[in-house]
Amino acid sequence: MRIARFSVDDEVRYGVVDSPGAGAANGHGADRLADLTVAEIAGHPFGPSAADLKLTGARYPLDDVRLLAPVLPSKVVAIGKNYADHARETGSEPPPEPLIFLKPSTAVIGPGDPIVRPAQLSKRVDFEGELAVVFGRLCRDVPAARVPEVIFGYTCANDVTARDLQASDGQWARAKGFDTFCPLGPWIETSLDAGDVELTTTVNGEVKQQASTSLLMHDIVTLVCYVTAVMTMLPGDVLLTGTPAGIGPLVAGDSVSVHVDGIGTLTNPVVDPR
């Protein structure tokens, strides 16, 4: 099931993205975006099972709504150097344990929103396409066997990074934390088997990154167990699982897309500050 957060008539709502003839629990519906609609959910989707979601009866063509970031997390927990080839392209070896860092909630934007390069502070801003995990319930110290219970679903993410500041600062908070540096979307896929799906990042239509999540050094179950041993995750919190090799710079005028098979495509333009 695809769960979207969207705006229509200047109001923010949640809905199920499907084809007009599909029910809320009937999978993806049509593959062509032009054929998709959003069936509005009463309230928010966190808490009940998919079978318990209540629809208002309102339905909108996808083209008639503005898709927003699918969640507004209290925090975004990210994992560095979790693909071996990416670790090596940065001049290091993969860490023996997951390498955790945080991105502020104010970095989150949605599909179509512009990534703003902090041109006065950074000379190199990079894309990093990633698979993101969305938590569905409050959890702490999650054992491996219960990880599926706390995952609400998955979405596409771009861990935008001021590469020069990452190198000069010696820690990553500023380089990863600028406003607009965490695009998420286009929606949350709740039924994805995320252990072996292909992730592709393109810039202006040119493929820059392409890898399977099966190549993650620390898999999703390991990451959820590791992170929740450190901190409590709340409904809607996001875990970025790492980026594959192929990172590179963005300039104003670029269009960067992150596609994850089984989810969809997150696309954002790149601009300089006005």
Protein backbone atom coordinates (compact mmCIF):
# COMPACT_ATOMS: atom_id res chain seq x y z
CA MET A 1 0.00 0.00 0.00
CA ARG A 2 1.20 3.50 -0.86
CA ILE A 3 0.52 6.08 1.84
CA ALA A 4 0.94 9.71 0.81
CA ARG A 5 0.82 12.99 2.66
CA PHE A 6 -0.60 15.65 0.42
CA SER A 7 -2.11 19.11 0.21
CA VAL A 8 -5.41 19.97 -1.45
CA ASP A 9 -7.54 23.10 -0.92
CA ASP A 10 -4.71 24.40 1.32
CA GLU A 11 -5.24 21.53 3.78
CA VAL A 12 -2.75 18.77 4.61
CA ARG A 13 -4.16 15.23 4.50
CA TYR A 14 -3.08 11.58 4.25
CA GLY A 15 -4.29 9.20 1.62
CA VAL A 16 -3.88 5.87 -0.12
CA VAL A 17 -2.44 6.13 -3.62
CA ASP A 18 -4.01 3.59 -5.97
CA SER A 19 -6.10 3.27 -9.11
CA PRO A 20 -9.74 4.37 -9.00
CA GLY A 21 -11.06 0.81 -8.87
CA ALA A 22 -8.67 -0.43 -6.18
CA GLY A 23 -9.49 -0.81 -2.51
CA ALA A 24 -7.23 0.43 0.27
CA ALA A 25 -5.66 -2.97 0.76
CA ASN A 26 -5.40 -4.00 -2.87
CA GLY A 27 -1.79 -3.18 -3.63
CA HIS A 28 -0.50 -0.60 -6.05
CA GLY A 29 -3.22 -0.37 -8.63
CA ALA A 30 -2.06 1.13 -11.91
CA ASP A 31 1.60 1.77 -12.58
CA ARG A 32 1.11 4.89 -14.72
CA LEU A 33 1.15 8.00 -12.54
CA ALA A 34 -1.50 9.64 -14.71
CA ASP A 35 -3.90 6.83 -13.78
CA LEU A 36 -3.40 7.10 -10.02
CA THR A 37 -5.67 8.74 -7.47
CA VAL A 38 -5.43 9.50 -3.76
CA ALA A 39 -8.17 8.14 -1.50
CA GLU A 40 -8.25 10.34 1.60
CA ILE A 41 -7.71 8.76 5.02
CA ALA A 42 -9.59 9.99 8.08
CA GLY A 43 -6.92 11.21 10.49
CA HIS A 44 -3.41 9.81 10.18
CA PRO A 45 -2.23 6.34 9.18
CA PHE A 46 -0.08 5.49 12.20
CA GLY A 47 -1.40 3.00 14.69
CA PRO A 48 -4.08 0.88 13.03
CA SER A 49 -3.32 -1.89 10.62
CA ALA A 50 -3.95 -1.36 6.94
CA ALA A 51 -7.26 -3.17 7.27
CA ASP A 52 -8.35 -0.64 9.93
CA LEU A 53 -7.68 2.52 7.91
CA LYS A 54 -10.82 4.61 7.54
CA LEU A 55 -11.39 6.37 4.24
CA THR A 56 -13.43 9.57 4.08
CA GLY A 57 -14.80 8.79 0.65
CA ALA A 58 -12.97 11.71 -0.95
CA ARG A 59 -10.73 10.78 -3.85
CA TYR A 60 -8.49 13.06 -5.92
CA PRO A 61 -6.53 12.54 -9.15
CA LEU A 62 -2.86 12.45 -8.23
CA ASP A 63 -2.20 15.28 -10.70
CA ASP A 64 -4.59 17.52 -8.78
CA VAL A 65 -2.83 17.35 -5.40
CA ARG A 66 0.55 18.47 -4.16
CA LEU A 67 2.55 15.61 -2.72
CA LEU A 68 4.38 16.57 0.49
CA ALA A 69 7.12 14.85 2.43
CA PRO A 70 5.31 11.65 3.49
CA VAL A 71 6.17 12.23 7.16
CA LEU A 72 7.37 15.04 9.41
CA PRO A 73 9.74 13.07 11.65
CA SER A 74 10.91 14.13 15.08
CA LYS A 75 14.35 13.01 13.90
CA VAL A 76 16.12 11.46 10.95
CA VAL A 77 18.72 8.89 11.91
CA ALA A 78 21.17 8.12 9.13
CA ILE A 79 23.84 5.49 8.56
CA GLY A 80 27.17 6.39 7.00
CA LYS A 81 29.38 4.23 4.79
CA ASN A 82 26.97 1.29 4.69
CA TYR A 83 27.87 0.23 1.14
CA ALA A 84 31.46 -1.01 0.82
CA ASP A 85 32.04 0.67 -2.55
CA HIS A 86 30.86 4.02 -1.23
CA ALA A 87 33.09 3.76 1.84
CA ARG A 88 36.06 3.09 -0.40
CA GLU A 89 35.24 5.93 -2.81
CA THR A 90 35.49 8.26 0.19
CA GLY A 91 38.93 6.87 1.05
CA SER A 92 37.98 4.63 3.97
CA GLU A 93 37.01 1.07 4.76
CA PRO A 94 33.48 0.06 5.78
CA PRO A 95 33.08 0.48 9.56
CA PRO A 96 32.68 -2.73 11.58
CA GLU A 97 29.54 -1.34 13.25
CA PRO A 98 26.85 0.98 11.87
CA LEU A 99 28.00 4.60 11.82
CA ILE A 100 25.14 6.78 13.11
CA PHE A 101 24.56 10.46 12.51
CA LEU A 102 21.49 12.71 12.69
CA LYS A 103 19.78 15.07 10.29
CA PRO A 104 17.40 17.67 11.74
CA SER A 105 13.70 17.49 11.00
CA THR A 106 13.98 20.96 9.44
CA ALA A 107 16.06 19.45 6.62
CA VAL A 108 13.05 17.45 5.38
CA ILE A 109 11.34 18.47 2.14
CA GLY A 110 9.01 16.65 -0.22
CA PRO A 111 8.95 15.68 -3.88
CA GLY A 112 9.33 18.63 -6.22
CA ASP A 113 10.60 20.95 -3.50
CA PRO A 114 13.91 22.65 -4.33
CA ILE A 115 17.21 21.63 -2.77
CA VAL A 116 18.88 24.93 -1.91
CA ARG A 117 22.66 24.93 -2.15
CA PRO A 118 24.25 27.06 0.62
CA ALA A 119 26.43 28.71 -2.01
CA GLN A 120 28.11 31.17 0.37
CA LEU A 121 29.22 28.42 2.72
CA SER A 122 29.85 25.36 0.55
CA LYS A 123 31.51 24.89 -2.82
CA ARG A 124 30.38 21.26 -3.25
CA VAL A 125 26.93 19.90 -2.47
CA ASP A 126 26.47 16.19 -3.26
CA PHE A 127 23.49 13.89 -3.84
CA GLU A 128 23.26 10.60 -1.92
CA GLY A 129 20.31 8.43 -2.95
CA GLU A 130 19.06 6.10 -0.22
CA LEU A 131 16.32 3.75 0.90
CA ALA A 132 14.57 5.13 4.00
CA VAL A 133 12.76 3.20 6.72
CA VAL A 134 9.71 4.84 8.33
CA PHE A 135 8.85 3.76 11.88
CA GLY A 136 5.22 3.14 12.71
CA ARG A 137 5.27 3.00 16.48
CA LEU A 138 7.19 4.12 19.54
CA CYS A 139 9.96 1.61 20.12
CA ARG A 140 13.19 1.05 22.04
CA ASP A 141 15.57 -1.93 22.24
CA VAL A 142 13.80 -3.79 19.43
CA PRO A 143 14.88 -7.44 19.13
CA ALA A 144 15.52 -8.82 15.65
CA ALA A 145 12.38 -10.96 15.63
CA ARG A 146 10.16 -7.92 16.24
CA VAL A 147 11.70 -5.50 13.72
CA PRO A 148 8.87 -6.02 11.17
CA GLU A 149 6.36 -4.93 13.83
CA VAL A 150 7.88 -1.46 14.20
CA ILE A 151 8.44 -0.68 10.50
CA PHE A 152 5.52 1.17 8.95
CA GLY A 153 7.05 1.19 5.48
CA TYR A 154 9.74 2.56 3.18
CA THR A 155 10.33 5.63 1.06
CA CYS A 156 13.02 7.19 -1.12
CA ALA A 157 15.49 9.66 0.36
CA ASN A 158 18.33 11.92 -0.67
CA ASP A 159 20.96 12.51 2.02
CA VAL A 160 22.18 15.80 0.53
CA THR A 161 25.64 16.65 1.85
CA ALA A 162 27.96 19.65 1.75
CA ARG A 163 31.01 17.51 1.04
CA ASP A 164 33.64 20.17 1.65
CA LEU A 165 32.15 21.06 5.03
CA GLN A 166 31.97 17.39 5.99
CA ALA A 167 35.72 17.16 5.41
CA SER A 168 36.67 20.44 7.07
CA ASP A 169 34.46 20.21 10.15
CA GLY A 170 35.56 16.76 11.29
CA GLN A 171 31.95 15.92 12.14
CA TRP A 172 28.86 15.87 9.97
CA ALA A 173 26.15 17.96 11.62
CA ARG A 174 26.59 21.11 9.53
CA ALA A 175 27.31 19.30 6.26
CA LYS A 176 24.18 17.15 6.56
CA GLY A 177 21.89 19.56 8.38
CA PHE A 178 21.08 22.47 6.09
CA ASP A 179 17.45 23.20 5.37
CA THR A 180 16.25 21.20 2.32
CA PHE A 181 19.04 18.59 2.73
CA CYS A 182 16.67 15.64 3.34
CA PRO A 183 14.18 15.13 0.50
CA LEU A 184 11.74 12.27 1.21
CA GLY A 185 9.01 10.74 -0.95
CA PRO A 186 7.05 10.41 -3.03
CA TRP A 187 5.06 8.28 -0.57
CA ILE A 188 5.49 5.40 1.90
CA GLU A 189 5.26 1.86 0.57
CA THR A 190 4.04 -0.37 3.40
CA SER A 191 4.34 -3.79 1.72
CA LEU A 192 7.87 -3.69 0.30
CA ASP A 193 10.32 -6.55 0.82
CA ALA A 194 13.31 -4.23 1.12
CA GLY A 195 16.08 -6.81 1.39
CA ASP A 196 16.90 -6.86 -2.33
CA VAL A 197 15.54 -3.91 -4.28
CA GLU A 198 17.40 -1.74 -6.76
CA LEU A 199 18.15 1.88 -6.00
CA THR A 200 19.01 4.29 -8.83
CA THR A 201 19.99 7.94 -8.62
CA THR A 202 19.96 10.11 -11.73
CA VAL A 203 20.97 13.72 -12.32
CA ASN A 204 19.37 15.35 -15.37
CA GLY A 205 18.41 11.86 -16.53
CA GLU A 206 21.95 10.45 -16.32
CA VAL A 207 22.44 7.45 -14.04
CA LYS A 208 24.91 8.22 -11.26
CA GLN A 209 24.21 5.52 -8.67
CA GLN A 210 22.78 2.04 -9.10
CA ALA A 211 22.91 -0.76 -6.54
CA SER A 212 20.80 -3.32 -4.73
CA THR A 213 19.94 -3.05 -1.05
CA SER A 214 21.27 -6.61 -0.77
CA LEU A 215 24.72 -4.96 -0.77
CA LEU A 216 24.12 -3.11 2.49
CA MET A 217 26.96 -3.93 4.89
CA HIS A 218 24.53 -3.82 7.81
CA ASP A 219 21.03 -4.90 6.81
CA ILE A 220 17.78 -3.28 7.87
CA VAL A 221 17.12 -5.62 10.78
CA THR A 222 20.62 -4.99 12.13
CA LEU A 223 20.21 -1.23 11.74
CA VAL A 224 16.86 -1.09 13.53
CA CYS A 225 18.19 -3.17 16.42
CA TYR A 226 21.34 -1.06 16.63
CA VAL A 227 19.63 2.33 16.47
CA THR A 228 16.85 1.47 18.92
CA ALA A 229 19.43 0.27 21.42
CA VAL A 230 20.65 3.87 21.45
CA MET A 231 17.48 5.96 21.25
CA THR A 232 13.70 5.76 21.25
CA MET A 233 12.12 6.01 17.82
CA LEU A 234 8.71 7.64 17.47
CA PRO A 235 5.96 7.04 14.89
CA GLY A 236 7.02 8.78 11.70
CA ASP A 237 10.73 8.85 12.54
CA VAL A 238 13.00 7.99 9.63
CA LEU A 239 16.10 5.83 9.26
CA LEU A 240 18.31 6.39 6.21
CA THR A 241 20.10 3.13 5.40
CA GLY A 242 23.13 4.44 3.48
CA THR A 243 24.11 5.41 -0.04
CA PRO A 244 25.91 3.34 -2.70
CA ALA A 245 28.95 4.43 -4.71
CA GLY A 246 28.63 7.13 -7.32
CA ILE A 247 28.06 10.26 -5.23
CA GLY A 248 28.71 13.54 -6.98
CA PRO A 249 28.06 17.28 -7.00
CA LEU A 250 24.88 19.17 -7.75
CA VAL A 251 24.66 22.64 -9.30
CA ALA A 252 21.81 25.07 -9.70
CA GLY A 253 19.54 23.98 -12.53
CA ASP A 254 20.06 20.26 -11.94
CA SER A 255 17.19 17.84 -11.41
CA VAL A 256 18.07 14.90 -9.16
CA SER A 257 15.92 11.77 -8.87
CA VAL A 258 16.11 8.80 -6.50
CA HIS A 259 14.21 5.72 -7.65
CA VAL A 260 13.66 2.60 -5.56
CA ASP A 261 12.01 -0.38 -7.25
CA GLY A 262 8.67 -1.12 -5.62
CA ILE A 263 8.31 2.41 -4.26
CA GLY A 264 8.64 5.05 -6.96
CA THR A 265 10.72 8.10 -7.80
CA LEU A 266 11.61 11.15 -5.73
CA THR A 267 12.63 14.14 -7.86
CA ASN A 268 13.87 17.54 -6.72
CA PRO A 269 15.26 20.57 -8.57
CA VAL A 270 18.45 22.23 -7.34
CA VAL A 271 18.68 25.99 -6.85
CA ASP A 272 21.00 28.59 -5.38
CA PRO A 273 19.75 30.97 -2.66
CA ARG A 274 17.91 34.04 -3.92
